[in-house]
């Protein structure tokens, strides 16, 4: 199963259900009615993760400042961080490693 961030952003409930089925623990009708999927999505949202104390003040064990762990959480924001050379190199690596699997990428919604 391939699960792209872009797809999660586009239709989070559908893809959360697909992921749960893929790992063998589908949501029950009761769990869906109780809003469990929405709660999981809220807890895993970039806004919620950004606000966790560990992500504000915790030690990462490296020289990275914690604020660099999260960007905007928007599809296509990579263009603000990767140079054309970096994109070319990543495209080459992805083609070498993933060719034949049918995985494609979207750069915007």
C-alpha atoms as a PDB file:
ATOM      1  CA  UNK A   1       0.000   0.000   0.000  1.00  0.00           C
ATOM      2  CA  UNK A   2       1.224   3.457  -0.890  1.00  0.00           C
ATOM      3  CA  UNK A   3      -0.140   6.306   1.189  1.00  0.00           C
ATOM      4  CA  UNK A   4       0.799   9.783   0.085  1.00  0.00           C
ATOM      5  CA  UNK A   5       0.617  12.862   2.282  1.00  0.00           C
ATOM      6  CA  UNK A   6      -1.184  14.627  -0.544  1.00  0.00           C
ATOM      7  CA  UNK A   7      -3.946  12.006  -0.485  1.00  0.00           C
ATOM      8  CA  UNK A   8      -4.310  12.284   3.281  1.00  0.00           C
ATOM      9  CA  UNK A   9      -4.689  16.033   2.961  1.00  0.00           C
ATOM     10  CA  UNK A  10      -7.222  15.650   0.151  1.00  0.00           C
ATOM     11  CA  UNK A  11      -9.476  13.041   1.831  1.00  0.00           C
ATOM     12  CA  UNK A  12      -8.229  12.183   5.328  1.00  0.00           C
ATOM     13  CA  UNK A  13     -11.164  10.050   6.504  1.00  0.00           C
ATOM     14  CA  UNK A  14     -11.151   7.809   3.429  1.00  0.00           C
ATOM     15  CA  UNK A  15      -7.412   7.203   3.639  1.00  0.00           C
ATOM     16  CA  UNK A  16      -7.436   6.649   7.404  1.00  0.00           C
ATOM     17  CA  UNK A  17     -10.053   3.938   6.861  1.00  0.00           C
ATOM     18  CA  UNK A  18      -7.961   2.387   4.069  1.00  0.00           C
ATOM     19  CA  UNK A  19      -4.881   2.396   6.298  1.00  0.00           C
ATOM     20  CA  UNK A  20      -6.763   0.739   9.164  1.00  0.00           C
ATOM     21  CA  UNK A  21      -8.054  -1.970   6.828  1.00  0.00           C
ATOM     22  CA  UNK A  22      -4.585  -2.492   5.368  1.00  0.00           C
ATOM     23  CA  UNK A  23      -3.017  -3.123   8.786  1.00  0.00           C
ATOM     24  CA  UNK A  24      -5.857  -5.461   9.721  1.00  0.00           C
ATOM     25  CA  UNK A  25      -7.726  -3.341  12.264  1.00  0.00           C
ATOM     26  CA  UNK A  26     -10.635  -1.728  10.411  1.00  0.00           C
ATOM     27  CA  UNK A  27     -12.862   0.702  12.259  1.00  0.00           C
ATOM     28  CA  UNK A  28     -16.181  -0.649  13.486  1.00  0.00           C
ATOM     29  CA  UNK A  29     -19.449   1.118  12.682  1.00  0.00           C
ATOM     30  CA  UNK A  30     -19.616   2.185  16.340  1.00  0.00           C
ATOM     31  CA  UNK A  31     -16.105   3.661  16.253  1.00  0.00           C
ATOM     32  CA  UNK A  32     -16.966   5.604  13.125  1.00  0.00           C
ATOM     33  CA  UNK A  33     -20.225   6.898  14.659  1.00  0.00           C
ATOM     34  CA  UNK A  34     -18.374   7.925  17.837  1.00  0.00           C
ATOM     35  CA  UNK A  35     -15.945  10.014  15.771  1.00  0.00           C
ATOM     36  CA  UNK A  36     -12.847   7.918  16.438  1.00  0.00           C
ATOM     37  CA  UNK A  37     -11.427   8.530  12.965  1.00  0.00           C
ATOM     38  CA  UNK A  38     -11.809  12.282  13.336  1.00  0.00           C
ATOM     39  CA  UNK A  39     -10.189  12.172  16.790  1.00  0.00           C
ATOM     40  CA  UNK A  40      -7.205  10.221  15.473  1.00  0.00           C
ATOM     41  CA  UNK A  41      -6.849  12.723  12.641  1.00  0.00           C
ATOM     42  CA  UNK A  42      -7.011  15.607  15.114  1.00  0.00           C
ATOM     43  CA  UNK A  43      -4.373  14.055  17.377  1.00  0.00           C
ATOM     44  CA  UNK A  44      -2.090  13.377  14.399  1.00  0.00           C
ATOM     45  CA  UNK A  45      -2.618  16.771  12.790  1.00  0.00           C
ATOM     46  CA  UNK A  46       0.409  18.943  12.206  1.00  0.00           C
ATOM     47  CA  UNK A  47      -1.152  21.697  14.319  1.00  0.00           C
ATOM     48  CA  UNK A  48      -1.575  19.355  17.288  1.00  0.00           C
ATOM     49  CA  UNK A  49       1.898  17.821  16.909  1.00  0.00           C
ATOM     50  CA  UNK A  50       3.447  21.288  16.732  1.00  0.00           C
ATOM     51  CA  UNK A  51       1.894  22.178  20.081  1.00  0.00           C
ATOM     52  CA  UNK A  52       3.064  19.116  22.034  1.00  0.00           C
ATOM     53  CA  UNK A  53       5.515  20.067  24.770  1.00  0.00           C
ATOM     54  CA  UNK A  54       8.067  17.509  23.605  1.00  0.00           C
ATOM     55  CA  UNK A  55       8.116  19.174  20.200  1.00  0.00           C
ATOM     56  CA  UNK A  56       8.565  22.609  21.743  1.00  0.00           C
ATOM     57  CA  UNK A  57      11.121  21.906  24.451  1.00  0.00           C
ATOM     58  CA  UNK A  58      12.242  18.292  24.167  1.00  0.00           C
ATOM     59  CA  UNK A  59      15.772  17.308  23.322  1.00  0.00           C
ATOM     60  CA  UNK A  60      16.214  15.759  19.908  1.00  0.00           C
ATOM     61  CA  UNK A  61      19.688  14.416  20.516  1.00  0.00           C
ATOM     62  CA  UNK A  62      20.995  16.444  17.619  1.00  0.00           C
ATOM     63  CA  UNK A  63      21.769  20.038  16.859  1.00  0.00           C
ATOM     64  CA  UNK A  64      18.375  20.557  15.213  1.00  0.00           C
ATOM     65  CA  UNK A  65      16.210  23.231  16.736  1.00  0.00           C
ATOM     66  CA  UNK A  66      12.792  21.736  17.456  1.00  0.00           C
ATOM     67  CA  UNK A  67      11.014  24.406  15.435  1.00  0.00           C
ATOM     68  CA  UNK A  68      12.681  22.994  12.321  1.00  0.00           C
ATOM     69  CA  UNK A  69      10.909  19.656  12.735  1.00  0.00           C
ATOM     70  CA  UNK A  70       7.640  21.029  11.356  1.00  0.00           C
ATOM     71  CA  UNK A  71       7.043  23.200   8.369  1.00  0.00           C
ATOM     72  CA  UNK A  72       3.673  24.412   7.084  1.00  0.00           C
ATOM     73  CA  UNK A  73       2.170  20.985   6.483  1.00  0.00           C
ATOM     74  CA  UNK A  74       0.997  22.067   3.046  1.00  0.00           C
ATOM     75  CA  UNK A  75       1.172  20.093  -0.163  1.00  0.00           C
ATOM     76  CA  UNK A  76       3.846  21.488  -2.456  1.00  0.00           C
ATOM     77  CA  UNK A  77       5.670  23.472   0.245  1.00  0.00           C
ATOM     78  CA  UNK A  78       8.819  21.541  -0.621  1.00  0.00           C
ATOM     79  CA  UNK A  79       9.457  24.016  -3.445  1.00  0.00           C
ATOM     80  CA  UNK A  80      10.409  26.554  -0.771  1.00  0.00           C
ATOM     81  CA  UNK A  81      13.120  24.271   0.620  1.00  0.00           C
ATOM     82  CA  UNK A  82      14.578  22.197  -2.213  1.00  0.00           C
ATOM     83  CA  UNK A  83      16.816  23.547  -4.932  1.00  0.00           C
ATOM     84  CA  UNK A  84      16.294  22.363  -8.524  1.00  0.00           C
ATOM     85  CA  UNK A  85      19.425  20.232  -8.117  1.00  0.00           C
ATOM     86  CA  UNK A  86      17.987  18.562  -5.013  1.00  0.00           C
ATOM     87  CA  UNK A  87      14.716  17.866  -6.828  1.00  0.00           C
ATOM     88  CA  UNK A  88      16.593  16.349  -9.760  1.00  0.00           C
ATOM     89  CA  UNK A  89      18.598  14.110  -7.438  1.00  0.00           C
ATOM     90  CA  UNK A  90      15.491  12.997  -5.521  1.00  0.00           C
ATOM     91  CA  UNK A  91      13.637  12.296  -8.768  1.00  0.00           C
ATOM     92  CA  UNK A  92      16.531  10.099  -9.910  1.00  0.00           C
ATOM     93  CA  UNK A  93      16.640   8.168  -6.618  1.00  0.00           C
ATOM     94  CA  UNK A  94      12.873   7.681  -6.581  1.00  0.00           C
ATOM     95  CA  UNK A  95      12.885   6.462 -10.182  1.00  0.00           C
ATOM     96  CA  UNK A  96      15.694   3.988  -9.436  1.00  0.00           C
ATOM     97  CA  UNK A  97      14.098   2.637  -6.262  1.00  0.00           C
ATOM     98  CA  UNK A  98      10.393   2.796  -7.094  1.00  0.00           C
ATOM     99  CA  UNK A  99      10.199   2.247 -10.853  1.00  0.00           C
ATOM    100  CA  UNK A 100       7.618  -0.405 -11.669  1.00  0.00           C
ATOM    101  CA  UNK A 101       5.503   0.056  -8.537  1.00  0.00           C
ATOM    102  CA  UNK A 102       3.083   2.554 -10.077  1.00  0.00           C
ATOM    103  CA  UNK A 103       3.771   5.217  -7.481  1.00  0.00           C
ATOM    104  CA  UNK A 104       3.205   8.746  -8.719  1.00  0.00           C
ATOM    105  CA  UNK A 105       3.466  12.064  -6.940  1.00  0.00           C
ATOM    106  CA  UNK A 106       1.272  15.126  -6.847  1.00  0.00           C
ATOM    107  CA  UNK A 107       2.831  18.478  -6.091  1.00  0.00           C
ATOM    108  CA  UNK A 108      -0.376  20.375  -5.332  1.00  0.00           C
ATOM    109  CA  UNK A 109      -4.026  19.694  -4.542  1.00  0.00           C
END
